[in-house]
Structures are given as structure tokens and as C-alpha cells.
Amino acid sequence: MKQFIKYVFLFLIISGWNTFGKLHAQQQDTIRYNLNFITSKLENLSRQTKYPVDYSDLTDALIYYAAHPININSPEVKKLLELHLLNEFQLSALENYIHQYGWIYSVYELQYINGFTTQTIRKISPFTKTGKPQKPRDFHWKNILRYSHQNIILRYGQVLEKSMGYRRPADSAIRYPGTDYLGSPQHLYLRYAFRSSDFVRMGVTMDKDAGEVLWSPRFNDSLKKQLGSHFPRFPDFFSAFITIAHVGIVQKAIIGDYHLEFGQGLCLWSGLTFGKSAETTQIKYYGTGIRPNTASNESRFLRGAAVTLGKKNFALTLFYSQHKIDGTLFVSPVSQQEEISALPESGLHRTLRELLHKNTVTISAAGGHLNYSGKSWQVGATFYQTRLSLPLEPDTQLYRIYDFRGKTFTNASVDFSGMVNRFSFFGELAANPGKAFAGTTGFNFYPDDRLSFVLAYRYLSPDYQVIYASPFMESERPHNEEGIYVGIKMLLSPLFTFSAYADYYRFPWLRFRINAPSNGKAFLAQLDLLASSRLNMFVRLRYGNREENLISPDSYQIPLANKSLYDIRYVLHFSPIPLFTLQTRIEYINYQKDKDQEVGFLTLQDVAFHFQKLPLTINMRYALFDTDDWNSRIYAYENDVLYAFSVLPYYNKGQRIYLLLHYHIHSFLHFWLKIGRTTFFNQNHVSSGADRIPVPHKTTLRFQIMAKF
């Protein structure tokens, strides 16, 4: 810990943060905005991922615009579309209203615009403002510091109970290469951000996961020899970027770590996406092009340089990326050369085995995207090539017969979108030229101000190969899937809103634990009641069914069985007084596969209180859960410190309680403290393997400080 503090102090001196800008005392406290409308999306993502994920990339823009609202009378209002806060019909109606009646000076005026419901207005209110828009500033280097906002965040986290991975000295890791953690149990995080309007942005992120080594440790000679070039000498993850925008024909340029987002995610979309959720008609992607990487995820980002040049209706993006990623190496018995069997994406480097996989492969990518935009439509084309420093040769199991093998592959696509009257259409056709292809297309239809509808089709061939892609899909990997999706959202009355979707899909080829082509389907229906600004609730029904291998001792072949999941959730949100909020949630899950059945139950109570005269916010939760096993687990999002995300799986029988405190001195200095404990009633330990804790509870502590200047 002392070394970490010493490093932070050195970093602050080098960056010269105390010489920058002035204190913006009027700046809004962004953490006070509760991102309730995306919490269910984060829960769905967590169910599909194997390791903890930093969702900062998905929420960074929302947090920024909560502190620096968008004037709905300015051209920046189009950003509400990228944030999925408005749809195309609502945006068009807003622009037409302003063109006809002039600037909007009150948020209450929005209720007179077609397509703007009470829910919509409350949803966009934290991110927007009204009134006369300011004249856009011209870019001048001398004004960079004058209009800048900066902040630095330091975070400390730890599980207070000692798990098995820390119970032996690090020098014993040679005997236990996969279970002994070489570093300390503290999770340390640093983030620095500089922003001068939309012209200049800079950022630095450092992250050390629990169990990882912060500095060069004093290992014995045998362990040092075993590690070789993988000997840790720096915080495990370091990321930085600098970007400029709106300078002549340069719309945006970046050096460092970044993401690219184009089309509908089939060909080039390196960032995270939400996928299916209770926002049933919001499946169309709105690519932002070049975007800085602000998260601490250690995979799926680009490192190098990119630039977007614009002239009239044309925009050309060129990029180059090269950096090292984790790879599982082996010596081929045929070529006697090193090859890659897998590309791990966990980003964890705690044990000797994980460290030996770190940064063993160099991945490079280069290409571009050309876009032409009309008044209400746009078309784009993408082409790039990805290259690995060593050939990728996954195992020869039958379900992996179409997996990429080799060092180089090429991706290309054409994408389009537009709007005609009340129809909004979109699509993308992608390919590995001369080999495989994938495609998606769909449309949104707004027949009435109170009704929206979406229909979309997707097909990704089994042999389609891509790394930097994240299309709308059911699978974790973008290949071997065909599906059709239908979604609807309807305002039944000023109080009630109904949302639903149906998704039918199939996997044309075998998958992991699925030894034959298979089918699946997913349904969701939700009824919302918005009684007042202080009282709202919803009931959600979710059902999923897909085929999976059935292990039967009486059969020589492995048949497929239907695996189904029923989920019923009720949530009540009530504020008896403006500064006091209660949220109650009750949920039931039923899992079934052939004759095996599991059920799960969760009830939780959240309490939030904002003091009127004291700059203190308190969030608390008490939860009780009872599930038969892991398959009937229930995920629940919980409030956390800024830019940290907790979506925990509740399983077995037990309780969960946490307390989160947020205290700030004006808007310059913010402090967070969170402590939580999960206690199990039906077992005498927590987790397994190196994470096994030999007591029936797990306590987490997290402290964060943020300085704004």
C-alpha cells in the first residue's frame, strides 16, 4: 500500500495537476444521478460473462452529461440518440418543434411534442437543459486550460477474509502454479481525466486486481527464473490516451488506447454493448466512431492511433493498432514451433500460470471506415486486417472445426441506416472476403406517438471470423447464429407502459456442450406503472429456452435436452419525501433441464437518503436469498462508488447487507466508503479453489477519493 501511495504521489508531481485550471465550484455532483434504467442491462451482461467486467465505457458518457447537460436547443441534442435516451422519431419531432416554435425554455414544454411521454421527459431530464444555446467556441490552444475540467480518482478495495490463495508464501507458487496468488489481496485503482469541452481529452487508468503484484517483488531465484521476461515490474494494467476534435477537417484524432464503433457491430465494434433488455425496442446501434478507452478491462481495445477526417458529407476514419495480449502457448508437435491454443480475456495475472500467459502474443490491426451522410440517411464501408504474431491453433474438438486457425484474417462490411416518415431502417453486411459472411437488418416503426415496434433479422455463418465485433446476438462470440427479433413498446395510458420482445434463434453448427445444431427462444414482458414522481413500479416476466447436452448413463449417444428459465420480478420505487428513497424488489426463478429442477428466490430492500444541509448521501441494502444451486442464481445490481460496478450473483441460502457513504466538500473533494457482507446459512465456506474462504461469510471494503479541479 505504501508503494502504491508513493507511486501516486510521483504521478501527480509529473502531471503537474496543481497548475491546471481553476476550481469549478458550481459543478454538479454526478453520482447523485441513479442509473436505474440501465441496471437490468448490466445484470443481463453479468449473467453472460465469466469474469468481473468494468462497465465504465457504457456509462462514462451518461455520467459526464449528467454533470454537463446537453442543451436540447443546440445541435448537440443528437447525442441523446447515441445515448439511447431518445429514438429517431422523438429526435425528429423535437427538431421540427424547435424549427416551428423556436427555442424551448422549460422542460414542461416537452410534453407538447409528439412522442414525448412523462417517462421520456423524466428519463432525459438529468442529462439536458433548456434555454438559449451558447454560440459554439472556436478551438484555440490558449483556451484549453481555461475551459477545462479535471479529476483524479484513487480507489482501495479488499476482501477482508483471507482466501486460500494467500495462505502460502509466494515462493511456493512453483509447486502450486495455478492456485497461489503472488501479490497482495488489495485492489488498487487510479484514474485521471482531463477534458476541455469537446476539443481535447486526456486520460490515464491504472489498475491492480486483488492477488496481482504491484511492484517488483522479492521472489526467490527459482521463481524469478521461472517467470523470466514475465517478471512483474509495473502495475498490472496501464492505459492512457489523448484526443483532439473539431480542428479543421480533423473531426477526431486519438493516440493511445481507444475503441472503434461502426455500423451494427458485425465488423468493427470493439466496445461493450448492452444486448437484449427491458428497453425492448432499442436494439439499433449508433456508432460513435473513435472513442477513448476509459475502462480497466484488459482485452478488446485498440492501442495506437486513429483519425477521422471530414469534408462536407464524407467522413474517413483510418487507424492502426498494435499491442500485446494474453495467450496460451504450446509447442506444436508438427512444426516444433510455438503456437497459440487460446486467447484468455480475463485480464487476471495473480498466479504463476496466469503470469506466464501474460502479453505473450502481439496483435495488430489496420484499416479504415468511409461514411457518407445524407439528410436522413447514411451509408458506410469498413475494411481492415488483423494479424497475430504467432499462429492460433485451437484444439480439434468437433464443435471448434470452424474456429479461426492461422495468423491473419481480413474483415470488410457495408452498413446503412436512415429514416423515412415513421420508419427507421438499419443493417450491415460483413464478410471475411472470399470465405464467410454475416449480416443483420431491421427496422423501427412508430405508427403512433404511443407505440413503437422493431423487427430485426441476423445471420452469422459458423465460419465467420472476427475479434473486434459485438453485434446484437444471443451468443458470446459473433458467429454460428441465426435469429429473428420482435420488440414492442406501448403507452397504454398516462400511467401504464407495456414492453415486450420475442427472440427466436438457432445455432447452425455445434457449440460448447451442444453436440448438434440447436434452437432457442427468449421472451420478455414488462408492465410499468408511473403513478407519480415519487411512486413507480414494474412487473417483469422473462422466459428463455435452449437445447443443451444431456448426460445420460443409459445412452451411448449424448442427446439434447431443453433447458428453460422462468424469471418473475417485481420492483417498487417510492420516495415518501424528496430526499428519502425506498426500493423493494422480489424475484423468483425456476430453472429446469430434463428432470432436474431448481428454484430461486430473492427479496431485497434498498434505502437511500440525501441530507439537505449535510453533503452526505447514504445507501443501504438488506437482501435475503434462497436458491437450490448455481443454475437458479439471481443477479442484482447494487450502488457503488463512482466508476465501480457491483452486479453480484445471489445463490444458495443467505443474506447480503451493505452500506455506502458518499461525502463531498463543495464539488472539489469527494469521499466514498462502502462495506458489504454476504453470509451463507447452509455452508461453512465461500467459493472454491484459490478463492475459497473457510468461513461462511465474505466481507468487502472499498474506499475512494476523487478530487476535481
Foldseek 3Di string as FASTA:
>chain_A
DVVVVVVVVVVCVVVVVVVFADDPLPFDDLQVDDPVVCQQLVLVVVVFDDADFQCCVLCVVVSVLLRVAAELLDPCVCVCCQNVLDDPVLNVQSVVCCVVPNWDQDLVVSVPTFLDFPVSSVSRVSRYHGDDDDDDDDDDPVCQRHQKKKKKKKKKKFWPFAFQQDPDALQCLVVVQPFHFHAAQMKIKMKIWMDRDQFKIKMKIFIAHGSHHAAQDDHDPVLCVLLPVLRDHHGLFIWIKMKGADDAQWHMKMATKKAAFDAQFQAGGLDDDRFDDLVFAPQGHDTPGIGHDRTRFPDSIFHGMKTWGDDVQKIKIWDKGKFFFFFDWDQDPVPRDIAGADGDRNSDDTGNVSSSRGRPKMKMKTWMKMKGDDPFKIKMKTKMKMFIPHWHDHDDPPLCVLPDTGTMFMKMKMWMWGDDDQKTKIKMKMARPPPFIKIKIKIKGDPGSFKIKIKMWIAFAQNGDHDRGDHRDDHPDRHQKIKMKIKMWGDPDSFKIKIKMKMKMWGCGADVQRHHTKIKMKMKIKMKGPPDPFKIKMKMKIKIKIWGWDDDPVDPDTDIWIKMKIKIKIKIWGDPDPFKIKIKMWMKMWIDTDPDIKIKIKIKMWIWGQDDPFQKIKIKMKMWMAIPADVHWRWGWDDDPPSDTDTDTDYHGWMKMKMWMWHDDSPFKIKIKMKMKTFHDPDQWDDDRSRIRRGRMIMMIMIMMMGMD
